[in-house]
Amino acid sequence: MAELHLEGAFRQKLIKFIPYTELENLTRIEGGYSGSIHTAYWQKLRKTVAVK
């Protein structure tokens, strides 16, 4: 079920796949049952982004 929601979000461009090679300074901010959340600097857009 969750996979279908993610696929739909990717198709609607609500979520963007960013190759790890384009990220710098990956920092873990929270973790739990469903994985961890990180922040990272995205070189291409020169912005800090959330990473799951």
N, C-alpha and C. Protein backbone atom coordinates (compact mmCIF):
# COMPACT_ATOMS: atom_id res chain seq x y z
N MET A 1 0.82 -1.19 0.00
CA MET A 1 0.00 0.00 0.00
C MET A 1 0.87 1.26 0.00
N ALA A 2 1.86 1.31 0.89
CA ALA A 2 2.73 2.48 0.95
C ALA A 2 3.49 2.65 -0.37
N GLU A 3 3.87 1.53 -0.99
CA GLU A 3 4.59 1.61 -2.26
C GLU A 3 3.74 2.29 -3.33
N LEU A 4 2.44 2.01 -3.34
CA LEU A 4 1.55 2.65 -4.32
C LEU A 4 1.47 4.15 -4.10
N HIS A 5 1.44 4.57 -2.84
CA HIS A 5 1.41 6.00 -2.53
C HIS A 5 2.69 6.67 -3.00
N LEU A 6 3.83 6.01 -2.77
CA LEU A 6 5.11 6.58 -3.20
C LEU A 6 5.18 6.66 -4.72
N GLU A 7 4.75 5.61 -5.40
CA GLU A 7 4.77 5.62 -6.87
C GLU A 7 3.93 6.77 -7.40
N GLY A 8 2.75 6.98 -6.82
CA GLY A 8 1.88 8.09 -7.24
C GLY A 8 2.53 9.43 -6.98
N ALA A 9 3.19 9.57 -5.84
CA ALA A 9 3.86 10.83 -5.50
C ALA A 9 5.00 11.12 -6.47
N PHE A 10 5.74 10.09 -6.87
CA PHE A 10 6.81 10.28 -7.86
C PHE A 10 6.23 10.68 -9.21
N ARG A 11 5.15 10.02 -9.62
CA ARG A 11 4.52 10.33 -10.91
C ARG A 11 3.98 11.75 -10.94
N GLN A 12 3.43 12.21 -9.82
CA GLN A 12 2.87 13.56 -9.75
C GLN A 12 3.95 14.60 -9.44
N LYS A 13 5.19 14.14 -9.34
CA LYS A 13 6.34 15.00 -9.05
C LYS A 13 6.23 15.72 -7.71
N LEU A 14 5.59 15.04 -6.73
CA LEU A 14 5.53 15.57 -5.37
C LEU A 14 6.79 15.21 -4.60
N ILE A 15 7.43 14.12 -5.04
CA ILE A 15 8.68 13.66 -4.45
C ILE A 15 9.69 13.53 -5.58
N LYS A 16 10.91 13.98 -5.33
CA LYS A 16 11.94 13.91 -6.37
C LYS A 16 13.05 12.98 -5.90
N PHE A 17 13.48 12.09 -6.79
CA PHE A 17 14.64 11.25 -6.51
C PHE A 17 15.89 12.08 -6.76
N ILE A 18 16.77 12.12 -5.78
CA ILE A 18 18.04 12.85 -5.90
C ILE A 18 19.17 11.84 -5.74
N PRO A 19 20.03 11.70 -6.74
CA PRO A 19 21.16 10.78 -6.60
C PRO A 19 22.07 11.22 -5.44
N TYR A 20 22.52 10.26 -4.65
CA TYR A 20 23.39 10.58 -3.51
C TYR A 20 24.64 11.34 -3.93
N THR A 21 25.09 11.15 -5.16
CA THR A 21 26.29 11.85 -5.62
C THR A 21 26.08 13.36 -5.71
N GLU A 22 24.82 13.81 -5.70
CA GLU A 22 24.53 15.25 -5.76
C GLU A 22 24.33 15.85 -4.37
N LEU A 23 24.47 15.03 -3.31
CA LEU A 23 24.23 15.50 -1.95
C LEU A 23 25.53 15.62 -1.17
N GLU A 24 25.58 16.61 -0.28
CA GLU A 24 26.72 16.80 0.62
C GLU A 24 26.20 16.95 2.04
N ASN A 25 27.07 16.70 3.00
CA ASN A 25 26.78 16.95 4.42
C ASN A 25 25.49 16.27 4.89
N LEU A 26 25.35 15.00 4.61
CA LEU A 26 24.19 14.23 5.05
C LEU A 26 24.22 14.13 6.58
N THR A 27 23.17 14.63 7.24
CA THR A 27 23.11 14.66 8.70
C THR A 27 21.80 14.03 9.17
N ARG A 28 21.90 13.03 10.04
CA ARG A 28 20.69 12.37 10.56
C ARG A 28 20.02 13.28 11.58
N ILE A 29 18.70 13.47 11.41
CA ILE A 29 17.98 14.31 12.37
C ILE A 29 16.97 13.52 13.19
N GLU A 30 16.51 12.37 12.71
CA GLU A 30 15.53 11.57 13.46
C GLU A 30 15.49 10.16 12.89
N GLY A 31 15.17 9.21 13.73
CA GLY A 31 15.03 7.84 13.28
C GLY A 31 13.96 7.13 14.07
N GLY A 32 13.40 6.10 13.49
CA GLY A 32 12.35 5.36 14.17
C GLY A 32 12.00 4.09 13.45
N TYR A 33 10.79 3.61 13.67
CA TYR A 33 10.32 2.34 13.13
C TYR A 33 10.37 2.29 11.61
N SER A 34 10.05 3.38 10.95
CA SER A 34 9.97 3.36 9.48
C SER A 34 11.22 3.91 8.80
N GLY A 35 12.32 4.02 9.52
CA GLY A 35 13.56 4.50 8.91
C GLY A 35 14.04 5.77 9.55
N SER A 36 14.96 6.46 8.88
CA SER A 36 15.49 7.71 9.41
C SER A 36 15.30 8.85 8.43
N ILE A 37 15.32 10.04 9.00
CA ILE A 37 15.21 11.27 8.22
C ILE A 37 16.55 12.01 8.36
N HIS A 38 17.04 12.51 7.24
CA HIS A 38 18.30 13.25 7.22
C HIS A 38 18.07 14.60 6.53
N THR A 39 19.00 15.50 6.74
CA THR A 39 19.08 16.70 5.91
C THR A 39 20.38 16.59 5.13
N ALA A 40 20.42 17.23 3.98
CA ALA A 40 21.63 17.24 3.17
C ALA A 40 21.61 18.49 2.30
N TYR A 41 22.78 18.89 1.86
CA TYR A 41 22.89 20.03 0.95
C TYR A 41 22.88 19.49 -0.47
N TRP A 42 21.92 19.94 -1.29
CA TRP A 42 21.80 19.50 -2.68
C TRP A 42 22.58 20.48 -3.54
N GLN A 43 23.71 20.04 -4.06
CA GLN A 43 24.62 20.89 -4.83
C GLN A 43 23.95 21.53 -6.03
N LYS A 44 23.14 20.76 -6.74
CA LYS A 44 22.53 21.23 -7.99
C LYS A 44 21.66 22.47 -7.78
N LEU A 45 20.86 22.51 -6.70
CA LEU A 45 19.98 23.65 -6.44
C LEU A 45 20.52 24.58 -5.37
N ARG A 46 21.65 24.19 -4.76
CA ARG A 46 22.23 24.98 -3.67
C ARG A 46 21.23 25.21 -2.55
N LYS A 47 20.58 24.11 -2.12
CA LYS A 47 19.57 24.16 -1.06
C LYS A 47 19.73 22.97 -0.12
N THR A 48 19.30 23.16 1.12
CA THR A 48 19.23 22.06 2.07
C THR A 48 17.89 21.35 1.87
N VAL A 49 17.94 20.02 1.80
CA VAL A 49 16.73 19.22 1.54
C VAL A 49 16.59 18.14 2.60
N ALA A 50 15.37 17.60 2.74
CA ALA A 50 15.11 16.46 3.61
C ALA A 50 15.32 15.18 2.80
N VAL A 51 15.92 14.19 3.43
CA VAL A 51 16.23 12.93 2.75
C VAL A 51 15.67 11.78 3.57
N LYS A 52 14.96 10.88 2.92
CA LYS A 52 14.43 9.69 3.59
C LYS A 52 15.07 8.47 3.01
